[in-house]
Amino acid sequence: MRLVERRIGLLFGGFLLCFLVILVRAFWLQGVQGAQLASEAISQQTEVVTVPGLRGDLLDRAGNKLAASEDAATIYATPYQVKNPPQAAAKLAPILDEPKGEVLEALTVESGFSYLAHKVDLGTAAEVEALNLEGIGELPDSRRTYPQGEMAGQVIGAVGSENQGLTGLEEGEESVLGGSDGERRIVNDALGEPIRQETVKAAEDGEDVQLTLDPVIQRETERVLAGVGETYAPTGATAIVVDPRSSQVLAMANWPPVNPEDLSEVSNEDLLNKATGFNYEPGSTFKAFTVAAALEEKLVTPTSESFCAWMSKNGTRMDRLSSGIDAA
């Protein structure tokens, strides 16, 4: 009987000891480390992503879009979560229009995060999402589009990877065109699947800027300037068409042109708007060379006369007969 009571006592003591250990452990986790563990749990279950504000549009005088922004996505990978990198790369490469080797390299880097493609259109992002590949995700983004192609490329200017204006009107009107990014909190379940989204800060879009450029005159000016460039092969050329009655710029062209949608092989000099980017323009100082060339070719003589016409500030046509050097 005493042996049974002793065993019961030992068993009770064992249970009591286990209970005390559990109690102390629970107190340690909840009382001492509770705040830290709760913070870590929140960081594992939630993430805050940036929601970009769209830039305002650049419009010509007719209201046609020269530069516009649209929603896009950036595709990224969490390499250690990708189960079969070669197979995943084979599926992703054709959709993202990227070399398979580069995609595979991004999927196998040792870091916990890598970009696969920036600013892809929403259709491409939907195709990637449909693959349902583990470890592949997307972030909201925006990208600049140019409905009129290369037209007024240097005048419009370039936009950087962070959607900030770098050159041209994109830079000069940044305070108007630039939007304000917002934030969105995403809550995930234990499997990492989003179960709730909360707007922390709403994104604000930029405002539109309408220019005085006339699309018909702009295209014709660029066509003529391209002919000059192809014929004489200068280092660069520029042309400006102004309405003398209102001083509105109807066309501003540069040669050679640039495509603002593809700046991979474009230098800073190529992006320069020669019409406004130089500290000075030759103007009448170049007349001496024009006259010298005409005299050398015997097209004029020192006594030759020419008819000049120009518009005054109030739009009145003014004529005069010029002679000698001034005729140039």
C-alpha atoms as a PDB file:
ATOM      1  CA  MET A   1       0.000   0.000   0.000  1.00  0.00           C
ATOM      2  CA  ARG A   2       2.809   2.361   0.891  1.00  0.00           C
ATOM      3  CA  LEU A   3       4.518   1.553  -2.431  1.00  0.00           C
ATOM      4  CA  VAL A   4       1.353   2.498  -4.309  1.00  0.00           C
ATOM      5  CA  GLU A   5       1.028   5.746  -2.383  1.00  0.00           C
ATOM      6  CA  ARG A   6       4.678   6.520  -3.047  1.00  0.00           C
ATOM      7  CA  ARG A   7       4.232   5.958  -6.778  1.00  0.00           C
ATOM      8  CA  ILE A   8       1.122   8.153  -6.804  1.00  0.00           C
ATOM      9  CA  GLY A   9       3.072  10.835  -4.957  1.00  0.00           C
ATOM     10  CA  LEU A  10       5.934  10.630  -7.429  1.00  0.00           C
ATOM     11  CA  LEU A  11       3.491  10.758 -10.340  1.00  0.00           C
ATOM     12  CA  PHE A  12       1.741  13.769  -8.809  1.00  0.00           C
ATOM     13  CA  GLY A  13       5.100  15.466  -8.250  1.00  0.00           C
ATOM     14  CA  GLY A  14       6.058  14.790 -11.862  1.00  0.00           C
ATOM     15  CA  PHE A  15       2.815  16.277 -13.128  1.00  0.00           C
ATOM     16  CA  LEU A  16       3.229  19.260 -10.812  1.00  0.00           C
ATOM     17  CA  LEU A  17       6.779  19.820 -12.037  1.00  0.00           C
ATOM     18  CA  CYS A  18       5.656  19.647 -15.681  1.00  0.00           C
ATOM     19  CA  PHE A  19       2.815  22.053 -14.914  1.00  0.00           C
ATOM     20  CA  LEU A  20       5.225  24.496 -13.280  1.00  0.00           C
ATOM     21  CA  VAL A  21       7.609  24.277 -16.258  1.00  0.00           C
ATOM     22  CA  ILE A  22       4.724  24.958 -18.639  1.00  0.00           C
ATOM     23  CA  LEU A  23       3.511  27.803 -16.448  1.00  0.00           C
ATOM     24  CA  VAL A  24       6.967  29.392 -16.314  1.00  0.00           C
ATOM     25  CA  ARG A  25       7.403  28.939 -20.064  1.00  0.00           C
ATOM     26  CA  ALA A  26       4.012  30.480 -20.763  1.00  0.00           C
ATOM     27  CA  PHE A  27       4.827  33.429 -18.511  1.00  0.00           C
ATOM     28  CA  TRP A  28       8.173  33.871 -20.272  1.00  0.00           C
ATOM     29  CA  LEU A  29       6.643  33.783 -23.745  1.00  0.00           C
ATOM     30  CA  GLN A  30       3.646  35.975 -22.961  1.00  0.00           C
ATOM     31  CA  GLY A  31       5.023  38.276 -20.303  1.00  0.00           C
ATOM     32  CA  VAL A  32       8.683  38.755 -21.228  1.00  0.00           C
ATOM     33  CA  GLN A  33       8.852  37.994 -24.974  1.00  0.00           C
ATOM     34  CA  GLY A  34       5.215  38.644 -25.804  1.00  0.00           C
ATOM     35  CA  ALA A  35       5.664  42.039 -27.428  1.00  0.00           C
ATOM     36  CA  GLN A  36       8.652  40.901 -29.502  1.00  0.00           C
ATOM     37  CA  LEU A  37       6.949  37.701 -30.692  1.00  0.00           C
ATOM     38  CA  ALA A  38       3.765  39.579 -31.548  1.00  0.00           C
ATOM     39  CA  SER A  39       5.793  42.051 -33.576  1.00  0.00           C
ATOM     40  CA  GLU A  40       7.558  39.234 -35.431  1.00  0.00           C
ATOM     41  CA  ALA A  41       4.236  37.523 -36.125  1.00  0.00           C
ATOM     42  CA  ILE A  42       2.799  40.719 -37.577  1.00  0.00           C
ATOM     43  CA  SER A  43       5.876  41.233 -39.763  1.00  0.00           C
ATOM     44  CA  GLN A  44       5.568  37.667 -41.073  1.00  0.00           C
ATOM     45  CA  GLN A  45       1.852  37.921 -41.742  1.00  0.00           C
ATOM     46  CA  THR A  46       1.675  41.445 -43.148  1.00  0.00           C
ATOM     47  CA  GLU A  47       3.575  43.428 -45.727  1.00  0.00           C
ATOM     48  CA  VAL A  48       3.311  47.038 -46.821  1.00  0.00           C
ATOM     49  CA  VAL A  49       3.593  47.667 -50.559  1.00  0.00           C
ATOM     50  CA  THR A  50       3.892  50.969 -52.383  1.00  0.00           C
ATOM     51  CA  VAL A  51       1.024  51.944 -54.664  1.00  0.00           C
ATOM     52  CA  PRO A  52       2.464  54.374 -57.238  1.00  0.00           C
ATOM     53  CA  GLY A  53       0.555  57.498 -58.146  1.00  0.00           C
ATOM     54  CA  LEU A  54       0.218  57.865 -61.907  1.00  0.00           C
ATOM     55  CA  ARG A  55       1.995  60.772 -63.603  1.00  0.00           C
ATOM     56  CA  GLY A  56      -0.146  63.308 -65.396  1.00  0.00           C
ATOM     57  CA  ASP A  57      -0.409  63.201 -69.196  1.00  0.00           C
ATOM     58  CA  LEU A  58       1.362  65.469 -71.673  1.00  0.00           C
ATOM     59  CA  LEU A  59      -1.090  66.581 -74.370  1.00  0.00           C
ATOM     60  CA  ASP A  60      -0.712  68.445 -77.655  1.00  0.00           C
ATOM     61  CA  ARG A  61      -2.938  71.445 -78.482  1.00  0.00           C
ATOM     62  CA  ALA A  62      -5.634  69.122 -79.884  1.00  0.00           C
ATOM     63  CA  GLY A  63      -5.767  67.078 -76.691  1.00  0.00           C
ATOM     64  CA  ASN A  64      -3.942  64.048 -78.104  1.00  0.00           C
ATOM     65  CA  LYS A  65      -1.720  62.244 -75.609  1.00  0.00           C
ATOM     66  CA  LEU A  66       1.996  62.607 -76.222  1.00  0.00           C
ATOM     67  CA  ALA A  67       2.963  60.854 -72.978  1.00  0.00           C
ATOM     68  CA  ALA A  68       0.688  58.981 -70.600  1.00  0.00           C
ATOM     69  CA  SER A  69       0.958  56.626 -67.625  1.00  0.00           C
ATOM     70  CA  GLU A  70      -0.762  53.313 -67.094  1.00  0.00           C
ATOM     71  CA  ASP A  71      -0.865  50.723 -64.338  1.00  0.00           C
ATOM     72  CA  ALA A  72       1.831  48.077 -64.579  1.00  0.00           C
ATOM     73  CA  ALA A  73       3.512  45.457 -62.398  1.00  0.00           C
ATOM     74  CA  THR A  74       7.005  44.468 -61.337  1.00  0.00           C
ATOM     75  CA  ILE A  75       7.602  40.705 -61.195  1.00  0.00           C
ATOM     76  CA  TYR A  76       9.861  39.412 -58.419  1.00  0.00           C
ATOM     77  CA  ALA A  77      11.001  36.094 -56.980  1.00  0.00           C
ATOM     78  CA  THR A  78      11.734  34.688 -53.544  1.00  0.00           C
ATOM     79  CA  PRO A  79      14.419  32.230 -54.748  1.00  0.00           C
ATOM     80  CA  TYR A  80      14.406  29.821 -51.789  1.00  0.00           C
ATOM     81  CA  GLN A  81      10.659  29.243 -52.284  1.00  0.00           C
ATOM     82  CA  VAL A  82      10.981  28.308 -55.962  1.00  0.00           C
ATOM     83  CA  LYS A  83      10.848  24.502 -56.093  1.00  0.00           C
ATOM     84  CA  ASN A  84      12.095  23.839 -59.629  1.00  0.00           C
ATOM     85  CA  PRO A  85      14.042  26.876 -60.911  1.00  0.00           C
ATOM     86  CA  PRO A  86      14.897  25.488 -64.408  1.00  0.00           C
ATOM     87  CA  GLN A  87      11.276  24.583 -65.056  1.00  0.00           C
ATOM     88  CA  ALA A  88      10.033  27.897 -63.680  1.00  0.00           C
ATOM     89  CA  ALA A  89      12.550  29.814 -65.828  1.00  0.00           C
ATOM     90  CA  ALA A  90      11.413  27.919 -68.940  1.00  0.00           C
ATOM     91  CA  LYS A  91       7.814  29.007 -68.278  1.00  0.00           C
ATOM     92  CA  LEU A  92       8.558  32.599 -67.308  1.00  0.00           C
ATOM     93  CA  ALA A  93      11.153  33.553 -69.941  1.00  0.00           C
ATOM     94  CA  PRO A  94       8.839  33.614 -73.000  1.00  0.00           C
ATOM     95  CA  ILE A  95       6.108  35.485 -71.118  1.00  0.00           C
ATOM     96  CA  LEU A  96       8.502  38.130 -69.787  1.00  0.00           C
ATOM     97  CA  ASP A  97      10.396  38.233 -73.100  1.00  0.00           C
ATOM     98  CA  GLU A  98      13.662  37.744 -71.239  1.00  0.00           C
ATOM     99  CA  PRO A  99      16.543  35.295 -71.904  1.00  0.00           C
ATOM    100  CA  LYS A 100      15.980  32.024 -70.075  1.00  0.00           C
ATOM    101  CA  GLY A 101      19.499  32.130 -68.625  1.00  0.00           C
ATOM    102  CA  GLU A 102      18.941  35.535 -67.013  1.00  0.00           C
ATOM    103  CA  VAL A 103      15.615  34.442 -65.520  1.00  0.00           C
ATOM    104  CA  LEU A 104      17.201  31.252 -64.161  1.00  0.00           C
ATOM    105  CA  GLU A 105      20.031  33.287 -62.632  1.00  0.00           C
ATOM    106  CA  ALA A 106      17.511  35.522 -60.871  1.00  0.00           C
ATOM    107  CA  LEU A 107      15.685  32.447 -59.544  1.00  0.00           C
ATOM    108  CA  THR A 108      18.838  30.894 -58.087  1.00  0.00           C
ATOM    109  CA  VAL A 109      20.575  33.829 -56.408  1.00  0.00           C
ATOM    110  CA  GLU A 110      21.439  33.371 -52.739  1.00  0.00           C
ATOM    111  CA  SER A 111      19.530  36.448 -51.588  1.00  0.00           C
ATOM    112  CA  GLY A 112      15.933  36.175 -50.445  1.00  0.00           C
ATOM    113  CA  PHE A 113      14.631  38.547 -53.112  1.00  0.00           C
ATOM    114  CA  SER A 114      15.316  39.272 -56.777  1.00  0.00           C
ATOM    115  CA  TYR A 115      13.606  41.159 -59.592  1.00  0.00           C
ATOM    116  CA  LEU A 116      12.580  39.317 -62.752  1.00  0.00           C
ATOM    117  CA  ALA A 117      11.037  42.153 -64.785  1.00  0.00           C
ATOM    118  CA  HIS A 118      10.124  45.793 -64.207  1.00  0.00           C
ATOM    119  CA  LYS A 119       7.054  47.668 -65.437  1.00  0.00           C
ATOM    120  CA  VAL A 120       5.372  44.868 -67.390  1.00  0.00           C
ATOM    121  CA  ASP A 121       1.847  45.467 -68.660  1.00  0.00           C
ATOM    122  CA  LEU A 122      -1.086  44.050 -66.714  1.00  0.00           C
ATOM    123  CA  GLY A 123      -1.765  41.409 -69.385  1.00  0.00           C
ATOM    124  CA  THR A 124       1.728  39.969 -68.958  1.00  0.00           C
ATOM    125  CA  ALA A 125       1.373  40.117 -65.166  1.00  0.00           C
ATOM    126  CA  ALA A 126      -1.883  38.157 -65.428  1.00  0.00           C
ATOM    127  CA  GLU A 127      -0.143  35.468 -67.496  1.00  0.00           C
ATOM    128  CA  VAL A 128       2.574  35.135 -64.858  1.00  0.00           C
ATOM    129  CA  GLU A 129      -0.013  34.925 -62.080  1.00  0.00           C
ATOM    130  CA  ALA A 130      -1.907  32.226 -63.993  1.00  0.00           C
ATOM    131  CA  LEU A 131       1.185  29.994 -63.843  1.00  0.00           C
ATOM    132  CA  ASN A 132       0.682  29.840 -60.060  1.00  0.00           C
ATOM    133  CA  LEU A 133       4.397  29.344 -59.426  1.00  0.00           C
ATOM    134  CA  GLU A 134       5.461  29.223 -55.802  1.00  0.00           C
ATOM    135  CA  GLY A 135       7.940  31.945 -54.914  1.00  0.00           C
ATOM    136  CA  ILE A 136       6.891  34.269 -57.764  1.00  0.00           C
ATOM    137  CA  GLY A 137       5.018  37.465 -56.943  1.00  0.00           C
ATOM    138  CA  GLU A 138       4.256  40.923 -58.294  1.00  0.00           C
ATOM    139  CA  LEU A 139       4.255  44.485 -57.009  1.00  0.00           C
ATOM    140  CA  PRO A 140       2.032  47.321 -58.274  1.00  0.00           C
ATOM    141  CA  ASP A 141       3.852  49.756 -60.529  1.00  0.00           C
ATOM    142  CA  SER A 142       3.225  52.204 -63.377  1.00  0.00           C
ATOM    143  CA  ARG A 143       4.908  52.878 -66.668  1.00  0.00           C
ATOM    144  CA  ARG A 144       5.090  55.694 -69.214  1.00  0.00           C
ATOM    145  CA  THR A 145       3.684  55.159 -72.705  1.00  0.00           C
ATOM    146  CA  TYR A 146       4.013  57.316 -75.825  1.00  0.00           C
ATOM    147  CA  PRO A 147       0.967  56.991 -78.134  1.00  0.00           C
ATOM    148  CA  GLN A 148       2.576  59.194 -80.824  1.00  0.00           C
ATOM    149  CA  GLY A 149       5.845  57.267 -80.875  1.00  0.00           C
ATOM    150  CA  GLU A 150       9.005  59.313 -81.405  1.00  0.00           C
ATOM    151  CA  MET A 151       7.183  62.586 -82.046  1.00  0.00           C
ATOM    152  CA  ALA A 152       8.712  65.417 -79.998  1.00  0.00           C
ATOM    153  CA  GLY A 153      10.861  62.884 -78.144  1.00  0.00           C
ATOM    154  CA  GLN A 154      13.447  65.323 -76.783  1.00  0.00           C
ATOM    155  CA  VAL A 155      10.775  67.917 -76.007  1.00  0.00           C
ATOM    156  CA  ILE A 156       8.793  65.418 -73.947  1.00  0.00           C
ATOM    157  CA  GLY A 157      11.869  64.027 -72.220  1.00  0.00           C
ATOM    158  CA  ALA A 158      12.613  60.860 -70.297  1.00  0.00           C
ATOM    159  CA  VAL A 159      11.264  59.302 -67.093  1.00  0.00           C
ATOM    160  CA  GLY A 160      13.404  57.271 -64.683  1.00  0.00           C
ATOM    161  CA  SER A 161      12.773  53.879 -63.112  1.00  0.00           C
ATOM    162  CA  GLU A 162      11.170  55.555 -60.092  1.00  0.00           C
ATOM    163  CA  ASN A 163       8.748  57.442 -62.371  1.00  0.00           C
ATOM    164  CA  GLN A 164      10.553  60.748 -61.883  1.00  0.00           C
ATOM    165  CA  GLY A 165      11.172  63.174 -64.743  1.00  0.00           C
ATOM    166  CA  LEU A 166      14.789  63.220 -65.922  1.00  0.00           C
ATOM    167  CA  THR A 167      14.868  65.490 -68.984  1.00  0.00           C
ATOM    168  CA  GLY A 168      12.673  67.725 -71.100  1.00  0.00           C
ATOM    169  CA  LEU A 169       9.177  68.677 -70.013  1.00  0.00           C
ATOM    170  CA  GLU A 170       9.002  65.562 -67.839  1.00  0.00           C
ATOM    171  CA  GLU A 171      11.663  67.147 -65.644  1.00  0.00           C
ATOM    172  CA  GLY A 172      10.625  70.781 -66.069  1.00  0.00           C
ATOM    173  CA  GLU A 173       6.987  70.097 -65.128  1.00  0.00           C
ATOM    174  CA  GLU A 174       7.752  67.488 -62.463  1.00  0.00           C
ATOM    175  CA  SER A 175       5.925  69.467 -59.769  1.00  0.00           C
ATOM    176  CA  VAL A 176       2.724  69.272 -61.839  1.00  0.00           C
ATOM    177  CA  LEU A 177       3.053  65.900 -63.558  1.00  0.00           C
ATOM    178  CA  GLY A 178       4.474  63.920 -60.635  1.00  0.00           C
ATOM    179  CA  GLY A 179       2.001  61.921 -58.568  1.00  0.00           C
ATOM    180  CA  SER A 180       2.186  60.981 -54.896  1.00  0.00           C
ATOM    181  CA  ASP A 181       2.716  57.315 -53.993  1.00  0.00           C
ATOM    182  CA  GLY A 182       0.392  55.574 -51.555  1.00  0.00           C
ATOM    183  CA  GLU A 183       0.755  52.515 -49.300  1.00  0.00           C
ATOM    184  CA  ARG A 184      -1.277  49.330 -48.968  1.00  0.00           C
ATOM    185  CA  ARG A 185      -1.015  46.775 -46.144  1.00  0.00           C
ATOM    186  CA  ILE A 186      -1.542  43.141 -47.174  1.00  0.00           C
ATOM    187  CA  VAL A 187      -2.375  40.522 -44.520  1.00  0.00           C
ATOM    188  CA  ASN A 188      -1.406  36.928 -45.400  1.00  0.00           C
ATOM    189  CA  ASP A 189      -2.457  33.597 -43.944  1.00  0.00           C
ATOM    190  CA  ALA A 190      -0.077  30.882 -42.708  1.00  0.00           C
ATOM    191  CA  LEU A 191       0.544  29.761 -46.298  1.00  0.00           C
ATOM    192  CA  GLY A 192       1.445  33.260 -47.417  1.00  0.00           C
ATOM    193  CA  GLU A 193      -1.780  33.810 -49.344  1.00  0.00           C
ATOM    194  CA  PRO A 194      -3.338  37.305 -49.045  1.00  0.00           C
ATOM    195  CA  ILE A 195      -6.576  37.343 -47.055  1.00  0.00           C
ATOM    196  CA  ARG A 196      -7.074  41.084 -46.500  1.00  0.00           C
ATOM    197  CA  GLN A 197      -5.895  44.382 -47.942  1.00  0.00           C
ATOM    198  CA  GLU A 198      -5.953  47.728 -46.187  1.00  0.00           C
ATOM    199  CA  THR A 199      -5.201  51.155 -47.664  1.00  0.00           C
ATOM    200  CA  VAL A 200      -2.714  52.924 -45.411  1.00  0.00           C
ATOM    201  CA  LYS A 201      -2.308  55.982 -47.641  1.00  0.00           C
ATOM    202  CA  ALA A 202      -4.176  56.647 -50.873  1.00  0.00           C
ATOM    203  CA  ALA A 203      -2.109  57.350 -53.984  1.00  0.00           C
ATOM    204  CA  GLU A 204      -2.614  60.676 -55.772  1.00  0.00           C
ATOM    205  CA  ASP A 205      -2.220  61.079 -59.536  1.00  0.00           C
ATOM    206  CA  GLY A 206      -0.403  64.015 -61.118  1.00  0.00           C
ATOM    207  CA  GLU A 207      -2.100  66.675 -63.234  1.00  0.00           C
ATOM    208  CA  ASP A 208      -2.116  66.875 -67.033  1.00  0.00           C
ATOM    209  CA  VAL A 209      -0.126  69.482 -68.976  1.00  0.00           C
ATOM    210  CA  GLN A 210      -1.395  70.648 -72.379  1.00  0.00           C
ATOM    211  CA  LEU A 211       1.146  72.025 -74.840  1.00  0.00           C
ATOM    212  CA  THR A 212       0.742  74.369 -77.803  1.00  0.00           C
ATOM    213  CA  LEU A 213       2.339  71.872 -80.221  1.00  0.00           C
ATOM    214  CA  ASP A 214       0.234  71.277 -83.335  1.00  0.00           C
ATOM    215  CA  PRO A 215       0.459  67.557 -84.253  1.00  0.00           C
ATOM    216  CA  VAL A 216       0.235  68.189 -88.030  1.00  0.00           C
ATOM    217  CA  ILE A 217       2.856  70.949 -88.043  1.00  0.00           C
ATOM    218  CA  GLN A 218       5.060  68.961 -85.639  1.00  0.00           C
ATOM    219  CA  ARG A 219       5.103  65.880 -87.867  1.00  0.00           C
ATOM    220  CA  GLU A 220       5.774  67.945 -91.001  1.00  0.00           C
ATOM    221  CA  THR A 221       8.589  69.813 -89.270  1.00  0.00           C
ATOM    222  CA  GLU A 222      10.163  66.539 -88.170  1.00  0.00           C
ATOM    223  CA  ARG A 223       9.808  65.133 -91.696  1.00  0.00           C
ATOM    224  CA  VAL A 224      11.563  68.126 -93.237  1.00  0.00           C
ATOM    225  CA  LEU A 225      14.255  68.103 -90.567  1.00  0.00           C
ATOM    226  CA  ALA A 226      14.839  64.389 -91.150  1.00  0.00           C
ATOM    227  CA  GLY A 227      15.426  65.165 -94.835  1.00  0.00           C
ATOM    228  CA  VAL A 228      17.994  67.795 -93.865  1.00  0.00           C
ATOM    229  CA  GLY A 229      19.702  65.310 -91.560  1.00  0.00           C
ATOM    230  CA  GLU A 230      19.839  62.564 -94.164  1.00  0.00           C
ATOM    231  CA  THR A 231      21.054  64.937 -96.880  1.00  0.00           C
ATOM    232  CA  TYR A 232      23.766  66.826 -95.008  1.00  0.00           C
ATOM    233  CA  ALA A 233      24.493  64.450 -92.083  1.00  0.00           C
ATOM    234  CA  PRO A 234      25.045  67.154 -89.451  1.00  0.00           C
ATOM    235  CA  THR A 235      25.918  66.323 -85.865  1.00  0.00           C
ATOM    236  CA  GLY A 236      22.495  67.591 -84.906  1.00  0.00           C
ATOM    237  CA  ALA A 237      19.740  69.868 -86.101  1.00  0.00           C
ATOM    238  CA  THR A 238      16.732  71.629 -84.647  1.00  0.00           C
ATOM    239  CA  ALA A 239      13.730  73.560 -85.924  1.00  0.00           C
ATOM    240  CA  ILE A 240      11.086  75.673 -84.201  1.00  0.00           C
ATOM    241  CA  VAL A 241       7.786  76.895 -85.632  1.00  0.00           C
ATOM    242  CA  VAL A 242       6.193  79.814 -83.754  1.00  0.00           C
ATOM    243  CA  ASP A 243       2.902  81.590 -84.296  1.00  0.00           C
ATOM    244  CA  PRO A 244       4.049  85.281 -84.430  1.00  0.00           C
ATOM    245  CA  ARG A 245       0.588  86.506 -83.429  1.00  0.00           C
ATOM    246  CA  SER A 246       0.585  84.709 -80.076  1.00  0.00           C
ATOM    247  CA  SER A 247       4.218  83.533 -79.639  1.00  0.00           C
ATOM    248  CA  GLN A 248       2.886  79.984 -79.207  1.00  0.00           C
ATOM    249  CA  VAL A 249       5.309  77.235 -80.195  1.00  0.00           C
ATOM    250  CA  LEU A 250       3.542  75.129 -82.828  1.00  0.00           C
ATOM    251  CA  ALA A 251       6.424  72.729 -83.427  1.00  0.00           C
ATOM    252  CA  MET A 252       9.793  71.995 -81.888  1.00  0.00           C
ATOM    253  CA  ALA A 253      11.825  69.258 -83.517  1.00  0.00           C
ATOM    254  CA  ASN A 254      15.277  67.723 -83.125  1.00  0.00           C
ATOM    255  CA  TRP A 255      17.411  65.495 -85.314  1.00  0.00           C
ATOM    256  CA  PRO A 256      18.376  62.755 -84.845  1.00  0.00           C
ATOM    257  CA  PRO A 257      15.160  61.785 -83.047  1.00  0.00           C
ATOM    258  CA  VAL A 258      14.915  59.548 -79.976  1.00  0.00           C
ATOM    259  CA  ASN A 259      12.268  57.098 -78.857  1.00  0.00           C
ATOM    260  CA  PRO A 260      11.521  57.917 -75.182  1.00  0.00           C
ATOM    261  CA  GLU A 261      10.030  54.441 -74.747  1.00  0.00           C
ATOM    262  CA  ASP A 262      13.401  52.776 -75.445  1.00  0.00           C
ATOM    263  CA  LEU A 263      16.370  54.582 -73.925  1.00  0.00           C
ATOM    264  CA  SER A 264      18.666  51.552 -73.653  1.00  0.00           C
ATOM    265  CA  GLU A 265      21.176  52.911 -76.177  1.00  0.00           C
ATOM    266  CA  VAL A 266      20.499  56.642 -75.834  1.00  0.00           C
ATOM    267  CA  SER A 267      23.087  59.032 -74.408  1.00  0.00           C
ATOM    268  CA  ASN A 268      22.476  62.216 -72.425  1.00  0.00           C
ATOM    269  CA  GLU A 269      23.509  64.231 -75.486  1.00  0.00           C
ATOM    270  CA  ASP A 270      20.902  62.420 -77.596  1.00  0.00           C
ATOM    271  CA  LEU A 271      18.212  63.410 -75.078  1.00  0.00           C
ATOM    272  CA  LEU A 272      19.163  67.085 -75.168  1.00  0.00           C
ATOM    273  CA  ASN A 273      16.494  69.340 -76.624  1.00  0.00           C
ATOM    274  CA  LYS A 274      18.781  71.399 -78.848  1.00  0.00           C
ATOM    275  CA  ALA A 275      16.130  74.060 -79.312  1.00  0.00           C
ATOM    276  CA  THR A 276      16.277  75.037 -75.633  1.00  0.00           C
ATOM    277  CA  GLY A 277      19.231  73.150 -74.181  1.00  0.00           C
ATOM    278  CA  PHE A 278      22.094  75.240 -75.532  1.00  0.00           C
ATOM    279  CA  ASN A 279      23.368  78.228 -73.590  1.00  0.00           C
ATOM    280  CA  TYR A 280      23.123  80.290 -76.796  1.00  0.00           C
ATOM    281  CA  GLU A 281      22.194  79.793 -80.437  1.00  0.00           C
ATOM    282  CA  PRO A 282      24.281  81.093 -83.354  1.00  0.00           C
ATOM    283  CA  GLY A 283      21.651  83.463 -84.756  1.00  0.00           C
ATOM    284  CA  SER A 284      23.047  86.291 -86.864  1.00  0.00           C
ATOM    285  CA  THR A 285      26.644  85.440 -85.918  1.00  0.00           C
ATOM    286  CA  PHE A 286      26.465  82.608 -88.454  1.00  0.00           C
ATOM    287  CA  LYS A 287      25.495  84.902 -91.318  1.00  0.00           C
ATOM    288  CA  ALA A 288      29.165  85.532 -92.113  1.00  0.00           C
ATOM    289  CA  PHE A 289      29.639  81.852 -92.972  1.00  0.00           C
ATOM    290  CA  THR A 290      26.467  81.819 -95.073  1.00  0.00           C
ATOM    291  CA  VAL A 291      27.594  84.872 -97.041  1.00  0.00           C
ATOM    292  CA  ALA A 292      31.120  83.503 -97.437  1.00  0.00           C
ATOM    293  CA  ALA A 293      29.754  80.269 -98.890  1.00  0.00           C
ATOM    294  CA  ALA A 294      27.431  82.138-101.249  1.00  0.00           C
ATOM    295  CA  LEU A 295      30.280  84.411-102.426  1.00  0.00           C
ATOM    296  CA  GLU A 296      32.591  81.450-102.926  1.00  0.00           C
ATOM    297  CA  GLU A 297      29.978  79.678-105.041  1.00  0.00           C
ATOM    298  CA  LYS A 298      29.443  82.971-106.927  1.00  0.00           C
ATOM    299  CA  LEU A 299      25.736  82.873-106.135  1.00  0.00           C
ATOM    300  CA  VAL A 300      25.826  86.482-104.916  1.00  0.00           C
ATOM    301  CA  THR A 301      28.067  89.487-105.241  1.00  0.00           C
ATOM    302  CA  PRO A 302      28.823  92.280-102.736  1.00  0.00           C
ATOM    303  CA  THR A 303      26.139  94.369-104.444  1.00  0.00           C
ATOM    304  CA  SER A 304      23.428  91.704-104.614  1.00  0.00           C
ATOM    305  CA  GLU A 305      20.024  92.597-103.203  1.00  0.00           C
ATOM    306  CA  SER A 306      17.429  90.294-101.564  1.00  0.00           C
ATOM    307  CA  PHE A 307      13.862  90.657-100.380  1.00  0.00           C
ATOM    308  CA  CYS A 308      13.223  89.988 -96.653  1.00  0.00           C
ATOM    309  CA  ALA A 309       9.915  89.615 -94.873  1.00  0.00           C
ATOM    310  CA  TRP A 310       9.115  88.990 -91.235  1.00  0.00           C
ATOM    311  CA  MET A 311       6.325  89.502 -88.748  1.00  0.00           C
ATOM    312  CA  SER A 312       6.306  92.183 -86.106  1.00  0.00           C
ATOM    313  CA  LYS A 313       5.160  91.536 -82.542  1.00  0.00           C
ATOM    314  CA  ASN A 314       1.614  92.585 -83.356  1.00  0.00           C
ATOM    315  CA  GLY A 315       1.488  90.223 -86.337  1.00  0.00           C
ATOM    316  CA  THR A 316       1.912  92.908 -89.034  1.00  0.00           C
ATOM    317  CA  ARG A 317       3.878  91.825 -92.104  1.00  0.00           C
ATOM    318  CA  MET A 318       6.965  93.986 -92.596  1.00  0.00           C
ATOM    319  CA  ASP A 319       9.054  94.048 -95.777  1.00  0.00           C
ATOM    320  CA  ARG A 320      12.364  95.587 -96.682  1.00  0.00           C
ATOM    321  CA  LEU A 321      14.984  95.472 -99.377  1.00  0.00           C
ATOM    322  CA  SER A 322      18.382  94.432 -98.061  1.00  0.00           C
ATOM    323  CA  SER A 323      21.701  94.563 -99.816  1.00  0.00           C
ATOM    324  CA  GLY A 324      25.256  93.431 -99.313  1.00  0.00           C
ATOM    325  CA  ILE A 325      26.182  91.360 -96.241  1.00  0.00           C
ATOM    326  CA  ASP A 326      22.899  92.249 -94.549  1.00  0.00           C
ATOM    327  CA  ALA A 327      21.049  90.386 -97.296  1.00  0.00           C
ATOM    328  CA  ALA A 328      22.166  87.084 -95.815  1.00  0.00           C
END
